[in-house]
Amino acid sequence: MPLSAVRPPFDQFMATAEAVARARPEVDLEMAREVFHEAATLLDNGLALDGLDEHDASAVVAGLCIDLVTEDPGAAVRARSEATLKNPGDLHDPEAVSRSYLIARSIMQL
């Protein structure tokens, strides 16, 4: 997936890269874009969102955008997966979303 062709819901990663670079002066914008582009590519190629509808896929990427910039992304993604089952909010398929978080964590080796 070329950097210029990042499509929804993965385009949220590019917005996150830009936000992180703005908030943290020590972060190089191009490097942040490359890292999040790689995450998008891995998840897309690994079919981490396979079977989710557009709404739930977007929710997973939004959650990952938050978790991947924490001190311990692996623990954050695992906790989000568990929290999704306890409080699904407006998700259409909370069990599939929870599994997608764990698949993403595995694919990214967090």
C-alpha atoms as a PDB file:
ATOM      1  CA  MET A   1       0.000   0.000   0.000  1.00  0.00           C
ATOM      2  CA  PRO A   2       1.792   3.175  -1.161  1.00  0.00           C
ATOM      3  CA  LEU A   3       1.928   5.990   1.391  1.00  0.00           C
ATOM      4  CA  SER A   4      -0.249   8.166  -0.834  1.00  0.00           C
ATOM      5  CA  ALA A   5      -2.862   5.408  -1.195  1.00  0.00           C
ATOM      6  CA  VAL A   6      -3.708   4.792   2.451  1.00  0.00           C
ATOM      7  CA  ARG A   7      -7.432   4.205   2.411  1.00  0.00           C
ATOM      8  CA  PRO A   8     -10.055   4.195   5.132  1.00  0.00           C
ATOM      9  CA  PRO A   9     -10.010   3.120   7.850  1.00  0.00           C
ATOM     10  CA  PHE A  10      -6.205   3.038   7.755  1.00  0.00           C
ATOM     11  CA  ASP A  11      -6.032   6.737   6.872  1.00  0.00           C
ATOM     12  CA  GLN A  12      -6.614   7.354  10.586  1.00  0.00           C
ATOM     13  CA  PHE A  13      -3.031   6.184  11.124  1.00  0.00           C
ATOM     14  CA  MET A  14      -1.677   9.037   8.994  1.00  0.00           C
ATOM     15  CA  ALA A  15      -3.670  11.565  11.008  1.00  0.00           C
ATOM     16  CA  THR A  16      -2.291  10.024  14.196  1.00  0.00           C
ATOM     17  CA  ALA A  17       1.282  10.225  12.892  1.00  0.00           C
ATOM     18  CA  GLU A  18       0.809  13.919  12.205  1.00  0.00           C
ATOM     19  CA  ALA A  19      -0.799  14.560  15.594  1.00  0.00           C
ATOM     20  CA  VAL A  20       1.996  12.746  17.425  1.00  0.00           C
ATOM     21  CA  ALA A  21       4.661  14.690  15.523  1.00  0.00           C
ATOM     22  CA  ARG A  22       2.922  17.981  16.374  1.00  0.00           C
ATOM     23  CA  ALA A  23       2.547  17.067  20.055  1.00  0.00           C
ATOM     24  CA  ARG A  24       6.037  15.673  20.511  1.00  0.00           C
ATOM     25  CA  PRO A  25       8.758  17.889  19.013  1.00  0.00           C
ATOM     26  CA  GLU A  26      11.303  15.056  19.241  1.00  0.00           C
ATOM     27  CA  VAL A  27       9.254  12.962  16.781  1.00  0.00           C
ATOM     28  CA  ASP A  28      10.166  13.288  13.101  1.00  0.00           C
ATOM     29  CA  LEU A  29       6.983  13.592  11.021  1.00  0.00           C
ATOM     30  CA  GLU A  30       8.264  11.512   8.102  1.00  0.00           C
ATOM     31  CA  MET A  31       9.442   8.760  10.441  1.00  0.00           C
ATOM     32  CA  ALA A  32       6.069   8.753  12.227  1.00  0.00           C
ATOM     33  CA  ARG A  33       4.300   8.499   8.873  1.00  0.00           C
ATOM     34  CA  GLU A  34       6.497   5.579   7.856  1.00  0.00           C
ATOM     35  CA  VAL A  35       5.870   3.748  11.135  1.00  0.00           C
ATOM     36  CA  PHE A  36       2.109   4.166  10.941  1.00  0.00           C
ATOM     37  CA  HIS A  37       2.100   3.328   7.251  1.00  0.00           C
ATOM     38  CA  GLU A  38       3.902   0.100   8.089  1.00  0.00           C
ATOM     39  CA  ALA A  39       1.288  -0.639  10.752  1.00  0.00           C
ATOM     40  CA  ALA A  40      -1.483  -0.062   8.196  1.00  0.00           C
ATOM     41  CA  THR A  41       0.244  -2.303   5.670  1.00  0.00           C
ATOM     42  CA  LEU A  42       0.796  -5.099   8.185  1.00  0.00           C
ATOM     43  CA  LEU A  43      -2.812  -4.998   9.345  1.00  0.00           C
ATOM     44  CA  ASP A  44      -4.159  -4.838   5.805  1.00  0.00           C
ATOM     45  CA  ASN A  45      -1.963  -7.676   4.543  1.00  0.00           C
ATOM     46  CA  GLY A  46      -2.604  -9.691   7.722  1.00  0.00           C
ATOM     47  CA  LEU A  47      -6.365  -9.343   7.294  1.00  0.00           C
ATOM     48  CA  ALA A  48      -6.672  -8.125  10.883  1.00  0.00           C
ATOM     49  CA  LEU A  49      -9.953  -6.390  10.104  1.00  0.00           C
ATOM     50  CA  ASP A  50     -11.305  -9.155   7.906  1.00  0.00           C
ATOM     51  CA  GLY A  51     -14.976  -9.809   8.578  1.00  0.00           C
ATOM     52  CA  LEU A  52     -15.637  -6.495  10.311  1.00  0.00           C
ATOM     53  CA  ASP A  53     -18.100  -4.045   8.862  1.00  0.00           C
ATOM     54  CA  GLU A  54     -16.938  -0.515   8.064  1.00  0.00           C
ATOM     55  CA  HIS A  55     -18.084   0.871  11.429  1.00  0.00           C
ATOM     56  CA  ASP A  56     -16.311  -1.743  13.530  1.00  0.00           C
ATOM     57  CA  ALA A  57     -13.151  -1.674  11.387  1.00  0.00           C
ATOM     58  CA  SER A  58     -12.955   2.081  11.850  1.00  0.00           C
ATOM     59  CA  ALA A  59     -13.418   1.635  15.609  1.00  0.00           C
ATOM     60  CA  VAL A  60     -10.543  -0.877  15.763  1.00  0.00           C
ATOM     61  CA  VAL A  61      -8.189   1.451  13.899  1.00  0.00           C
ATOM     62  CA  ALA A  62      -9.221   4.368  16.120  1.00  0.00           C
ATOM     63  CA  GLY A  63      -8.446   2.289  19.199  1.00  0.00           C
ATOM     64  CA  LEU A  64      -5.112   1.213  17.784  1.00  0.00           C
ATOM     65  CA  CYS A  65      -4.228   4.833  17.018  1.00  0.00           C
ATOM     66  CA  ILE A  66      -4.580   5.562  20.729  1.00  0.00           C
ATOM     67  CA  ASP A  67      -2.866   2.421  21.970  1.00  0.00           C
ATOM     68  CA  LEU A  68       0.136   2.423  19.644  1.00  0.00           C
ATOM     69  CA  VAL A  69       1.447   5.696  21.051  1.00  0.00           C
ATOM     70  CA  THR A  70       1.346   4.571  24.686  1.00  0.00           C
ATOM     71  CA  GLU A  71       4.330   3.477  26.723  1.00  0.00           C
ATOM     72  CA  ASP A  72       3.310  -0.194  26.440  1.00  0.00           C
ATOM     73  CA  PRO A  73       1.270  -0.671  23.247  1.00  0.00           C
ATOM     74  CA  GLY A  74       0.959  -4.439  23.703  1.00  0.00           C
ATOM     75  CA  ALA A  75      -0.633  -4.098  27.132  1.00  0.00           C
ATOM     76  CA  ALA A  76      -2.840  -1.251  25.915  1.00  0.00           C
ATOM     77  CA  VAL A  77      -4.164  -3.261  22.962  1.00  0.00           C
ATOM     78  CA  ARG A  78      -4.767  -6.321  25.166  1.00  0.00           C
ATOM     79  CA  ALA A  79      -6.648  -4.178  27.699  1.00  0.00           C
ATOM     80  CA  ARG A  80      -8.722  -2.594  24.938  1.00  0.00           C
ATOM     81  CA  SER A  81      -9.611  -6.049  23.622  1.00  0.00           C
ATOM     82  CA  GLU A  82     -10.867  -7.074  27.056  1.00  0.00           C
ATOM     83  CA  ALA A  83     -12.682  -3.774  27.631  1.00  0.00           C
ATOM     84  CA  THR A  84     -14.478  -4.160  24.304  1.00  0.00           C
ATOM     85  CA  LEU A  85     -16.182  -7.295  25.573  1.00  0.00           C
ATOM     86  CA  LYS A  86     -17.200  -5.678  28.860  1.00  0.00           C
ATOM     87  CA  ASN A  87     -18.427  -2.409  27.393  1.00  0.00           C
ATOM     88  CA  PRO A  88     -19.089  -2.755  23.649  1.00  0.00           C
ATOM     89  CA  GLY A  89     -20.736   0.623  23.223  1.00  0.00           C
ATOM     90  CA  ASP A  90     -22.091   0.954  19.695  1.00  0.00           C
ATOM     91  CA  LEU A  91     -20.023  -1.825  18.150  1.00  0.00           C
ATOM     92  CA  HIS A  92     -21.915  -4.164  15.851  1.00  0.00           C
ATOM     93  CA  ASP A  93     -19.850  -7.271  16.632  1.00  0.00           C
ATOM     94  CA  PRO A  94     -17.882  -6.775  19.874  1.00  0.00           C
ATOM     95  CA  GLU A  95     -16.454 -10.309  19.891  1.00  0.00           C
ATOM     96  CA  ALA A  96     -15.022  -9.883  16.389  1.00  0.00           C
ATOM     97  CA  VAL A  97     -13.643  -6.462  17.337  1.00  0.00           C
ATOM     98  CA  SER A  98     -11.999  -7.920  20.423  1.00  0.00           C
ATOM     99  CA  ARG A  99     -10.424 -10.681  18.309  1.00  0.00           C
ATOM    100  CA  SER A 100      -9.250  -8.107  15.764  1.00  0.00           C
ATOM    101  CA  TYR A 101      -7.360  -6.239  18.469  1.00  0.00           C
ATOM    102  CA  LEU A 102      -5.597  -9.447  19.481  1.00  0.00           C
ATOM    103  CA  ILE A 103      -4.854 -10.307  15.855  1.00  0.00           C
ATOM    104  CA  ALA A 104      -3.420  -6.819  15.342  1.00  0.00           C
ATOM    105  CA  ARG A 105      -1.302  -7.204  18.466  1.00  0.00           C
ATOM    106  CA  SER A 106       0.055 -10.496  17.170  1.00  0.00           C
ATOM    107  CA  ILE A 107       0.699  -9.217  13.652  1.00  0.00           C
ATOM    108  CA  MET A 108       2.605  -6.220  15.006  1.00  0.00           C
ATOM    109  CA  GLN A 109       4.400  -8.446  17.518  1.00  0.00           C
ATOM    110  CA  LEU A 110       3.471  -6.246  20.472  1.00  0.00           C
END
